[in-house]
Amino acid sequence: MSTTPRLSIRGVDPEAQKAVSGLSQYIRNGALDEALRELVDIRASQINNCAWCLDLHVTHARNVGVDQRRIDLVAAWREAGPLFSPRERAALAFTEAVTLISKDGVPDDVWGAVTAVFDEKETVQLLMTIATINVHNRINVAMRTALRTEPVLPA
């Protein structure tokens, strides 16, 4: 498969980029913990094979204090035992279900786990976090957004 970038959405239609940026701003202004949001972004980006987003969110996770071991084990969070909190485990299961929604929808047990540890507003914000990273992943993968030649620098 070619890795040549197809086009720049920002270059062709800056308003489209602004719309997606609005979703991202909503997420940043929400109540969810930044480390949790980064773990969600990493897991969805792994599933969607989005190297651009993985590169960005792994760096962001480090910058907000997520331990490298936890970053390394996000893909195997179910087997990582207590390395991930009950909230993180519920969020990661929800991330997988929403990202792969055509497979089984969001099973009742996944929904129950989320609503047991997140209140209704947090659940909405978590869903919007997952939806937003999936939008970014799909845009970057579809457009073959080039991976940065230099690693993302710490903030």
N, C-alpha and C. Protein backbone atom coordinates (compact mmCIF):
# COMPACT_ATOMS: atom_id res chain seq x y z
N MET A 1 0.83 -1.18 0.00
CA MET A 1 0.00 0.00 0.00
C MET A 1 0.88 1.24 0.00
N SER A 2 0.50 2.22 -0.76
CA SER A 2 1.23 3.48 -0.84
C SER A 2 1.06 4.27 0.45
N THR A 3 2.08 4.99 0.82
CA THR A 3 2.00 5.87 1.98
C THR A 3 2.06 7.34 1.57
N THR A 4 1.94 7.60 0.27
CA THR A 4 1.96 8.97 -0.21
C THR A 4 0.70 9.70 0.25
N PRO A 5 0.87 10.85 0.94
CA PRO A 5 -0.32 11.61 1.37
C PRO A 5 -1.21 11.95 0.19
N ARG A 6 -2.52 11.92 0.42
CA ARG A 6 -3.48 12.17 -0.65
C ARG A 6 -3.80 13.65 -0.79
N LEU A 7 -4.17 14.29 0.30
CA LEU A 7 -4.43 15.72 0.29
C LEU A 7 -4.48 16.22 1.71
N SER A 8 -4.45 17.52 1.87
CA SER A 8 -4.55 18.15 3.18
C SER A 8 -5.94 18.75 3.32
N ILE A 9 -6.72 18.24 4.25
CA ILE A 9 -8.05 18.79 4.47
C ILE A 9 -7.93 20.26 4.86
N ARG A 10 -7.00 20.57 5.74
CA ARG A 10 -6.78 21.96 6.16
C ARG A 10 -6.46 22.84 4.95
N GLY A 11 -5.66 22.34 4.03
CA GLY A 11 -5.28 23.11 2.85
C GLY A 11 -6.42 23.29 1.86
N VAL A 12 -7.28 22.30 1.75
CA VAL A 12 -8.38 22.35 0.79
C VAL A 12 -9.60 23.06 1.36
N ASP A 13 -9.94 22.77 2.62
CA ASP A 13 -11.15 23.34 3.22
C ASP A 13 -10.91 23.59 4.71
N PRO A 14 -10.36 24.74 5.05
CA PRO A 14 -10.07 25.02 6.45
C PRO A 14 -11.29 24.94 7.37
N GLU A 15 -12.48 25.17 6.83
CA GLU A 15 -13.70 25.08 7.65
C GLU A 15 -13.94 23.65 8.13
N ALA A 16 -13.61 22.68 7.31
CA ALA A 16 -13.74 21.28 7.72
C ALA A 16 -12.82 21.00 8.92
N GLN A 17 -11.60 21.51 8.85
CA GLN A 17 -10.66 21.34 9.95
C GLN A 17 -11.17 22.04 11.21
N LYS A 18 -11.77 23.21 11.06
CA LYS A 18 -12.31 23.94 12.21
C LYS A 18 -13.42 23.14 12.89
N ALA A 19 -14.24 22.46 12.11
CA ALA A 19 -15.33 21.66 12.68
C ALA A 19 -14.77 20.55 13.57
N VAL A 20 -13.75 19.86 13.10
CA VAL A 20 -13.14 18.79 13.88
C VAL A 20 -12.42 19.38 15.09
N SER A 21 -11.79 20.52 14.90
CA SER A 21 -11.10 21.18 16.02
C SER A 21 -12.09 21.58 17.11
N GLY A 22 -13.32 21.91 16.73
CA GLY A 22 -14.35 22.24 17.72
C GLY A 22 -14.66 21.06 18.62
N LEU A 23 -14.72 19.87 18.04
CA LEU A 23 -14.92 18.66 18.84
C LEU A 23 -13.76 18.49 19.83
N SER A 24 -12.55 18.67 19.33
CA SER A 24 -11.37 18.50 20.19
C SER A 24 -11.37 19.52 21.32
N GLN A 25 -11.79 20.74 21.04
CA GLN A 25 -11.85 21.78 22.08
C GLN A 25 -12.87 21.41 23.16
N TYR A 26 -14.02 20.89 22.73
CA TYR A 26 -15.04 20.44 23.68
C TYR A 26 -14.45 19.39 24.64
N ILE A 27 -13.70 18.45 24.09
CA ILE A 27 -13.09 17.38 24.90
C ILE A 27 -12.09 17.98 25.88
N ARG A 28 -11.22 18.86 25.41
CA ARG A 28 -10.21 19.46 26.29
C ARG A 28 -10.84 20.26 27.42
N ASN A 29 -12.00 20.85 27.18
CA ASN A 29 -12.67 21.65 28.21
C ASN A 29 -13.54 20.81 29.14
N GLY A 30 -13.62 19.52 28.91
CA GLY A 30 -14.47 18.65 29.71
C GLY A 30 -13.85 18.29 31.05
N ALA A 31 -14.57 17.48 31.79
CA ALA A 31 -14.17 17.11 33.15
C ALA A 31 -13.32 15.85 33.22
N LEU A 32 -13.19 15.12 32.11
CA LEU A 32 -12.44 13.87 32.16
C LEU A 32 -10.95 14.13 32.36
N ASP A 33 -10.34 13.27 33.14
CA ASP A 33 -8.91 13.34 33.41
C ASP A 33 -8.11 13.24 32.11
N GLU A 34 -7.10 14.09 31.99
CA GLU A 34 -6.29 14.12 30.78
C GLU A 34 -5.61 12.79 30.49
N ALA A 35 -5.10 12.13 31.53
CA ALA A 35 -4.43 10.84 31.33
C ALA A 35 -5.41 9.80 30.80
N LEU A 36 -6.62 9.79 31.32
CA LEU A 36 -7.64 8.86 30.83
C LEU A 36 -7.94 9.13 29.36
N ARG A 37 -8.10 10.40 29.01
CA ARG A 37 -8.37 10.74 27.60
C ARG A 37 -7.25 10.27 26.69
N GLU A 38 -6.01 10.40 27.13
CA GLU A 38 -4.88 9.96 26.30
C GLU A 38 -4.88 8.43 26.14
N LEU A 39 -5.20 7.69 27.20
CA LEU A 39 -5.28 6.23 27.09
C LEU A 39 -6.35 5.82 26.09
N VAL A 40 -7.49 6.50 26.14
CA VAL A 40 -8.58 6.24 25.19
C VAL A 40 -8.11 6.55 23.77
N ASP A 41 -7.45 7.69 23.59
CA ASP A 41 -6.97 8.07 22.25
C ASP A 41 -5.95 7.07 21.73
N ILE A 42 -5.08 6.60 22.60
CA ILE A 42 -4.09 5.60 22.19
C ILE A 42 -4.79 4.31 21.75
N ARG A 43 -5.74 3.83 22.56
CA ARG A 43 -6.38 2.54 22.23
C ARG A 43 -7.16 2.62 20.93
N ALA A 44 -7.93 3.68 20.71
CA ALA A 44 -8.66 3.81 19.45
C ALA A 44 -7.68 3.91 18.28
N SER A 45 -6.60 4.66 18.46
CA SER A 45 -5.63 4.82 17.38
C SER A 45 -4.91 3.51 17.06
N GLN A 46 -4.69 2.67 18.08
CA GLN A 46 -4.13 1.34 17.82
C GLN A 46 -5.08 0.52 16.97
N ILE A 47 -6.35 0.50 17.35
CA ILE A 47 -7.35 -0.28 16.62
C ILE A 47 -7.45 0.19 15.18
N ASN A 48 -7.40 1.51 14.98
CA ASN A 48 -7.57 2.09 13.65
C ASN A 48 -6.27 2.19 12.85
N ASN A 49 -5.17 1.72 13.43
CA ASN A 49 -3.87 1.75 12.76
C ASN A 49 -3.48 3.15 12.31
N CYS A 50 -3.70 4.12 13.17
CA CYS A 50 -3.37 5.51 12.85
C CYS A 50 -2.04 5.88 13.51
N ALA A 51 -0.96 5.75 12.76
CA ALA A 51 0.37 6.04 13.29
C ALA A 51 0.51 7.50 13.70
N TRP A 52 -0.07 8.40 12.91
CA TRP A 52 0.04 9.83 13.21
C TRP A 52 -0.54 10.12 14.59
N CYS A 53 -1.74 9.62 14.87
CA CYS A 53 -2.39 9.86 16.16
C CYS A 53 -1.68 9.11 17.29
N LEU A 54 -1.23 7.90 17.02
CA LEU A 54 -0.48 7.16 18.05
C LEU A 54 0.76 7.93 18.47
N ASP A 55 1.50 8.42 17.51
CA ASP A 55 2.71 9.19 17.78
C ASP A 55 2.39 10.38 18.68
N LEU A 56 1.34 11.09 18.34
CA LEU A 56 0.93 12.28 19.09
C LEU A 56 0.46 11.92 20.50
N HIS A 57 -0.44 10.94 20.62
CA HIS A 57 -1.06 10.67 21.91
C HIS A 57 -0.18 9.89 22.87
N VAL A 58 0.74 9.11 22.37
CA VAL A 58 1.73 8.47 23.26
C VAL A 58 2.59 9.55 23.90
N THR A 59 2.99 10.53 23.11
CA THR A 59 3.79 11.64 23.65
C THR A 59 2.97 12.45 24.65
N HIS A 60 1.72 12.77 24.30
CA HIS A 60 0.86 13.50 25.23
C HIS A 60 0.68 12.72 26.53
N ALA A 61 0.49 11.42 26.43
CA ALA A 61 0.32 10.60 27.63
C ALA A 61 1.55 10.71 28.54
N ARG A 62 2.72 10.62 27.96
CA ARG A 62 3.94 10.77 28.75
C ARG A 62 3.98 12.15 29.41
N ASN A 63 3.61 13.17 28.64
CA ASN A 63 3.66 14.55 29.14
C ASN A 63 2.71 14.79 30.32
N VAL A 64 1.62 14.05 30.38
CA VAL A 64 0.68 14.24 31.51
C VAL A 64 0.93 13.23 32.62
N GLY A 65 2.03 12.49 32.53
CA GLY A 65 2.45 11.63 33.63
C GLY A 65 2.04 10.18 33.57
N VAL A 66 1.53 9.72 32.43
CA VAL A 66 1.20 8.30 32.32
C VAL A 66 2.51 7.52 32.23
N ASP A 67 2.63 6.52 33.08
CA ASP A 67 3.83 5.69 33.13
C ASP A 67 4.03 4.95 31.81
N GLN A 68 5.28 4.88 31.36
CA GLN A 68 5.58 4.23 30.08
C GLN A 68 5.10 2.78 30.04
N ARG A 69 5.18 2.08 31.15
CA ARG A 69 4.72 0.68 31.18
C ARG A 69 3.24 0.60 30.84
N ARG A 70 2.44 1.51 31.38
CA ARG A 70 1.00 1.52 31.10
C ARG A 70 0.75 1.87 29.63
N ILE A 71 1.51 2.81 29.10
CA ILE A 71 1.38 3.15 27.68
C ILE A 71 1.68 1.92 26.82
N ASP A 72 2.76 1.22 27.17
CA ASP A 72 3.17 0.04 26.41
C ASP A 72 2.11 -1.06 26.45
N LEU A 73 1.32 -1.12 27.51
CA LEU A 73 0.39 -2.22 27.70
C LEU A 73 -1.07 -1.87 27.40
N VAL A 74 -1.32 -0.69 26.85
CA VAL A 74 -2.70 -0.31 26.55
C VAL A 74 -3.37 -1.36 25.67
N ALA A 75 -2.68 -1.86 24.66
CA ALA A 75 -3.28 -2.84 23.74
C ALA A 75 -3.66 -4.13 24.46
N ALA A 76 -3.03 -4.41 25.57
CA ALA A 76 -3.31 -5.65 26.33
C ALA A 76 -3.85 -5.32 27.72
N TRP A 77 -4.65 -4.28 27.81
CA TRP A 77 -5.13 -3.82 29.11
C TRP A 77 -5.90 -4.89 29.87
N ARG A 78 -6.61 -5.76 29.19
CA ARG A 78 -7.39 -6.80 29.89
C ARG A 78 -6.47 -7.75 30.66
N GLU A 79 -5.31 -8.02 30.11
CA GLU A 79 -4.37 -8.95 30.74
C GLU A 79 -3.43 -8.25 31.70
N ALA A 80 -3.50 -6.93 31.77
CA ALA A 80 -2.56 -6.16 32.59
C ALA A 80 -2.99 -6.05 34.05
N GLY A 81 -4.07 -6.71 34.41
CA GLY A 81 -4.51 -6.73 35.80
C GLY A 81 -4.72 -5.35 36.38
N PRO A 82 -4.22 -5.14 37.59
CA PRO A 82 -4.48 -3.89 38.30
C PRO A 82 -3.68 -2.69 37.79
N LEU A 83 -2.94 -2.87 36.72
CA LEU A 83 -2.18 -1.74 36.15
C LEU A 83 -3.11 -0.63 35.69
N PHE A 84 -4.36 -1.00 35.35
CA PHE A 84 -5.36 -0.02 34.94
C PHE A 84 -6.50 -0.03 35.96
N SER A 85 -6.94 1.16 36.34
CA SER A 85 -8.01 1.30 37.34
C SER A 85 -9.34 0.82 36.77
N PRO A 86 -10.34 0.59 37.63
CA PRO A 86 -11.66 0.22 37.13
C PRO A 86 -12.23 1.25 36.14
N ARG A 87 -12.03 2.53 36.38
CA ARG A 87 -12.50 3.56 35.43
C ARG A 87 -11.78 3.43 34.10
N GLU A 88 -10.47 3.24 34.14
CA GLU A 88 -9.71 3.10 32.89
C GLU A 88 -10.13 1.84 32.14
N ARG A 89 -10.33 0.76 32.86
CA ARG A 89 -10.73 -0.49 32.22
C ARG A 89 -12.10 -0.34 31.56
N ALA A 90 -13.03 0.31 32.25
CA ALA A 90 -14.36 0.54 31.68
C ALA A 90 -14.25 1.44 30.45
N ALA A 91 -13.43 2.49 30.53
CA ALA A 91 -13.26 3.41 29.41
C ALA A 91 -12.61 2.72 28.22
N LEU A 92 -11.64 1.86 28.47
CA LEU A 92 -10.97 1.15 27.37
C LEU A 92 -11.90 0.14 26.71
N ALA A 93 -12.71 -0.55 27.50
CA ALA A 93 -13.69 -1.48 26.93
C ALA A 93 -14.71 -0.72 26.08
N PHE A 94 -15.16 0.42 26.58
CA PHE A 94 -16.11 1.27 25.85
C PHE A 94 -15.47 1.79 24.57
N THR A 95 -14.21 2.18 24.65
CA THR A 95 -13.47 2.64 23.47
C THR A 95 -13.46 1.57 22.39
N GLU A 96 -13.15 0.35 22.78
CA GLU A 96 -13.11 -0.75 21.81
C GLU A 96 -14.49 -1.00 21.21
N ALA A 97 -15.52 -1.00 22.05
CA ALA A 97 -16.87 -1.27 21.56
C ALA A 97 -17.34 -0.18 20.60
N VAL A 98 -17.11 1.07 20.95
CA VAL A 98 -17.56 2.18 20.09
C VAL A 98 -16.73 2.22 18.81
N THR A 99 -15.43 2.02 18.92
CA THR A 99 -14.56 2.05 17.73
C THR A 99 -14.91 0.92 16.77
N LEU A 100 -15.27 -0.22 17.30
CA LEU A 100 -15.64 -1.39 16.48
C LEU A 100 -17.15 -1.62 16.52
N ILE A 101 -17.91 -0.56 16.53
CA ILE A 101 -19.36 -0.62 16.79
C ILE A 101 -20.12 -1.51 15.81
N SER A 102 -19.64 -1.65 14.59
CA SER A 102 -20.35 -2.48 13.61
C SER A 102 -20.26 -3.96 13.95
N LYS A 103 -19.32 -4.33 14.81
CA LYS A 103 -19.14 -5.73 15.17
C LYS A 103 -20.25 -6.24 16.10
N ASP A 104 -20.39 -5.61 17.26
CA ASP A 104 -21.37 -6.06 18.25
C ASP A 104 -22.12 -4.91 18.91
N GLY A 105 -22.03 -3.72 18.36
CA GLY A 105 -22.61 -2.57 19.04
C GLY A 105 -21.87 -2.32 20.34
N VAL A 106 -22.57 -1.80 21.33
CA VAL A 106 -22.01 -1.64 22.66
C VAL A 106 -22.76 -2.62 23.56
N PRO A 107 -22.12 -3.73 23.90
CA PRO A 107 -22.78 -4.75 24.73
C PRO A 107 -23.23 -4.19 26.08
N ASP A 108 -24.29 -4.76 26.62
CA ASP A 108 -24.84 -4.32 27.89
C ASP A 108 -23.82 -4.37 29.03
N ASP A 109 -22.95 -5.38 29.03
CA ASP A 109 -21.96 -5.46 30.11
C ASP A 109 -20.95 -4.32 30.02
N VAL A 110 -20.59 -3.92 28.82
CA VAL A 110 -19.67 -2.80 28.64
C VAL A 110 -20.36 -1.51 29.10
N TRP A 111 -21.60 -1.33 28.67
CA TRP A 111 -22.37 -0.15 29.09
C TRP A 111 -22.52 -0.12 30.61
N GLY A 112 -22.83 -1.24 31.20
CA GLY A 112 -22.99 -1.31 32.64
C GLY A 112 -21.71 -0.96 33.39
N ALA A 113 -20.58 -1.42 32.88
CA ALA A 113 -19.29 -1.10 33.51
C ALA A 113 -18.99 0.39 33.42
N VAL A 114 -19.32 1.00 32.29
CA VAL A 114 -19.08 2.44 32.12
C VAL A 114 -19.97 3.23 33.07
N THR A 115 -21.25 2.92 33.08
CA THR A 115 -22.19 3.72 33.89
C THR A 115 -22.04 3.44 35.39
N ALA A 116 -21.32 2.37 35.74
CA ALA A 116 -21.05 2.12 37.16
C ALA A 116 -19.95 3.03 37.71
N VAL A 117 -19.08 3.52 36.84
CA VAL A 117 -17.94 4.33 37.32
C VAL A 117 -17.90 5.75 36.74
N PHE A 118 -18.78 6.06 35.80
CA PHE A 118 -18.87 7.40 35.23
C PHE A 118 -20.30 7.90 35.40
N ASP A 119 -20.47 9.16 35.80
CA ASP A 119 -21.81 9.71 35.86
C ASP A 119 -22.29 10.02 34.44
N GLU A 120 -23.52 10.47 34.30
CA GLU A 120 -24.08 10.66 32.95
C GLU A 120 -23.30 11.67 32.13
N LYS A 121 -22.93 12.80 32.72
CA LYS A 121 -22.16 13.81 31.97
C LYS A 121 -20.79 13.27 31.58
N GLU A 122 -20.13 12.57 32.49
CA GLU A 122 -18.84 11.96 32.17
C GLU A 122 -18.99 10.93 31.05
N THR A 123 -20.08 10.18 31.08
CA THR A 123 -20.31 9.18 30.03
C THR A 123 -20.46 9.85 28.68
N VAL A 124 -21.19 10.96 28.63
CA VAL A 124 -21.31 11.72 27.37
C VAL A 124 -19.94 12.22 26.94
N GLN A 125 -19.17 12.76 27.85
CA GLN A 125 -17.85 13.27 27.49
C GLN A 125 -16.91 12.14 27.05
N LEU A 126 -17.03 10.98 27.68
CA LEU A 126 -16.23 9.83 27.25
C LEU A 126 -16.63 9.40 25.85
N LEU A 127 -17.92 9.33 25.58
CA LEU A 127 -18.39 8.96 24.25
C LEU A 127 -17.89 9.98 23.21
N MET A 128 -17.95 11.25 23.53
CA MET A 128 -17.47 12.28 22.61
C MET A 128 -15.95 12.19 22.41
N THR A 129 -15.23 11.82 23.45
CA THR A 129 -13.78 11.62 23.32
C THR A 129 -13.49 10.49 22.34
N ILE A 130 -14.20 9.39 22.49
CA ILE A 130 -14.02 8.24 21.60
C ILE A 130 -14.43 8.59 20.17
N ALA A 131 -15.57 9.25 20.02
CA ALA A 131 -16.03 9.63 18.68
C ALA A 131 -15.04 10.57 18.02
N THR A 132 -14.50 11.51 18.78
CA THR A 132 -13.58 12.50 18.21
C THR A 132 -12.27 11.86 17.76
N ILE A 133 -11.69 10.98 18.58
CA ILE A 133 -10.45 10.35 18.14
C ILE A 133 -10.71 9.46 16.93
N ASN A 134 -11.88 8.85 16.86
CA ASN A 134 -12.20 8.05 15.68
C ASN A 134 -12.32 8.93 14.43
N VAL A 135 -12.86 10.13 14.56
CA VAL A 135 -12.90 11.06 13.43
C VAL A 135 -11.47 11.38 12.99
N HIS A 136 -10.63 11.75 13.94
CA HIS A 136 -9.23 12.06 13.60
C HIS A 136 -8.53 10.87 12.95
N ASN A 137 -8.71 9.69 13.52
CA ASN A 137 -8.08 8.49 12.96
C ASN A 137 -8.52 8.25 11.53
N ARG A 138 -9.81 8.33 11.29
CA ARG A 138 -10.33 8.04 9.96
C ARG A 138 -9.86 9.07 8.94
N ILE A 139 -9.79 10.33 9.34
CA ILE A 139 -9.28 11.36 8.43
C ILE A 139 -7.81 11.09 8.11
N ASN A 140 -7.00 10.87 9.14
CA ASN A 140 -5.57 10.68 8.91
C ASN A 140 -5.26 9.42 8.12
N VAL A 141 -5.97 8.33 8.40
CA VAL A 141 -5.72 7.09 7.66
C VAL A 141 -6.21 7.24 6.21
N ALA A 142 -7.40 7.79 6.02
CA ALA A 142 -7.95 7.95 4.67
C ALA A 142 -7.10 8.88 3.82
N MET A 143 -6.57 9.94 4.42
CA MET A 143 -5.77 10.91 3.68
C MET A 143 -4.29 10.56 3.66
N ARG A 144 -3.95 9.45 4.35
CA ARG A 144 -2.55 9.02 4.44
C ARG A 144 -1.66 10.15 4.97
N THR A 145 -2.14 10.77 6.04
CA THR A 145 -1.37 11.85 6.65
C THR A 145 0.01 11.32 7.02
N ALA A 146 1.03 12.03 6.57
CA ALA A 146 2.40 11.59 6.78
C ALA A 146 2.78 11.69 8.26
N LEU A 147 3.43 10.65 8.74
CA LEU A 147 3.97 10.66 10.08
C LEU A 147 5.05 11.73 10.15
N ARG A 148 5.11 12.42 11.23
CA ARG A 148 6.13 13.45 11.39
C ARG A 148 7.52 12.81 11.26
N THR A 149 8.43 13.52 10.65
CA THR A 149 9.79 12.99 10.53
C THR A 149 10.54 13.09 11.85
N GLU A 150 10.15 14.07 12.67
CA GLU A 150 10.74 14.24 14.00
C GLU A 150 9.68 13.84 15.03
N PRO A 151 10.10 13.24 16.13
CA PRO A 151 9.12 12.89 17.16
C PRO A 151 8.43 14.13 17.71
N VAL A 152 7.23 13.95 18.23
CA VAL A 152 6.51 15.03 18.88
C VAL A 152 7.31 15.44 20.11
N LEU A 153 7.53 16.72 20.27
CA LEU A 153 8.31 17.20 21.41
C LEU A 153 7.41 17.36 22.64
N PRO A 154 7.98 17.16 23.82
CA PRO A 154 7.19 17.38 25.04
C PRO A 154 6.67 18.82 25.09
N ALA A 155 5.52 18.99 25.69
CA ALA A 155 4.93 20.34 25.81
C ALA A 155 5.67 21.18 26.82
